[in-house]
Structures are given as C-alpha cells and as structure tokens.
Amino acid sequence: MLHHYLELNKNYSKLILYADNCAAQNKNKFLFTYFIFITKKLKLFRETEINFLIAGHTKFCPYRNFGLIKRYLKTFDCFSMKDLIGKKIIESSSIINKCIVYKNPITFEQNWKWFDFKSFFDNNVTKIKDISKLHHIVIPQDSDLIYTKKFIGDAEFQKISVKLQKIKVNYDEIIPTGL
C-alpha cells in the first residue's frame, strides 16, 4: 500500500515521514531497507527523512482522522466492506479521508499491486545498530551514508555506511503467492 502511494507521489524531491515509535511495525530492518531502496536504488526521492515520535507523545494528525471516521460510522449501519465503500462512509467523514481498497468488493477492480518486499529484501537487509533508540533518520540519494540522531535536537548526526547489493527489480517476482 505504501509503495503504491509513494509511486503516485514521486514528483516530490523529499519524502518526510512521521511515525509512532513502535519497534515492531515502524522501526524494523525491513522498513529501513525499503526506504533506503526507494531513495538510493529506485531514486523516487532525492532524500527521505523519517521522524519517530517520542514515547508518550503519540497523538498526531492521523489519529484525528481515524476519530472522525469512527464518529461518522456510528450514524450508519455498516456490516461489511461493501457497506463501507458503497455508502462512502470514509470519504464522507472528512474532506481529507480517502478510502482506497486493494480490491473493490463492489466492482472487483484491483487498485494496485501488492508486493512482498520483506521476502525481496530477505538477503539484503540493512542492519542499523540501536535502531530502537533512534528518532530521526535522513537517507540521502547520492551518498553511501545515512544519518541518524537519537533526538532531533541533538547537535550532530551519527553517520552509518549502507550498501545495497545490486538488485534487479522485477516487480512480477515479488507479488505474494495467492494474489
């Protein structure tokens, strides 16, 4: 899903992301390898910056949008994805909320290709020391380094050398089995 969104918005020179501090979902070696890959190999962005919220400070915009959907959803009988999409519940909850499903249950139209990047990167994972303690990461396109800080206010970046093996991208080979 993320790859689909980034491909649609690749006309920007810099990608800036904010995420909560969940090590399992957002601070893992596969996700870091993915961002290094799209910045340095696919060259979707000149630079990628990833910022993690400090524990206890995780209330930010996306949560507000989910709250708007939840409040609006209480006014409808919604028992399935068809109801959610057909009644346009997400879009009607706010002008900024959009519902883009992988496969539309009404039209059966597939909206994007789903890729198994975890398997794709399995032998080419970039390991970052003390990954769970970092809150600010910058990945420039034109360098073999990435820059990290424990906190945004820290005076200096730590430099980490990264090298991705030569990867030939064939998207048809990384579509998960069964899709």
Foldseek 3Di string as FASTA:
>chain_A
DVVVVLVVVLPEQEAEEEDELDCVPCQDQLNVVVVLCCCAPVVSHQKYKYFYDDPPPPDDDVVVLVVLLVVQCVVDDDDDLCRCVVVVSSCVSDVPGDDDDQARPVVRDGDDADFQSCVVCVVFTDDDPPSSQWGMKMHGHPDQWIWTDSDPPDDGTDIDGGDGDDDDDDRVVGRDPPD
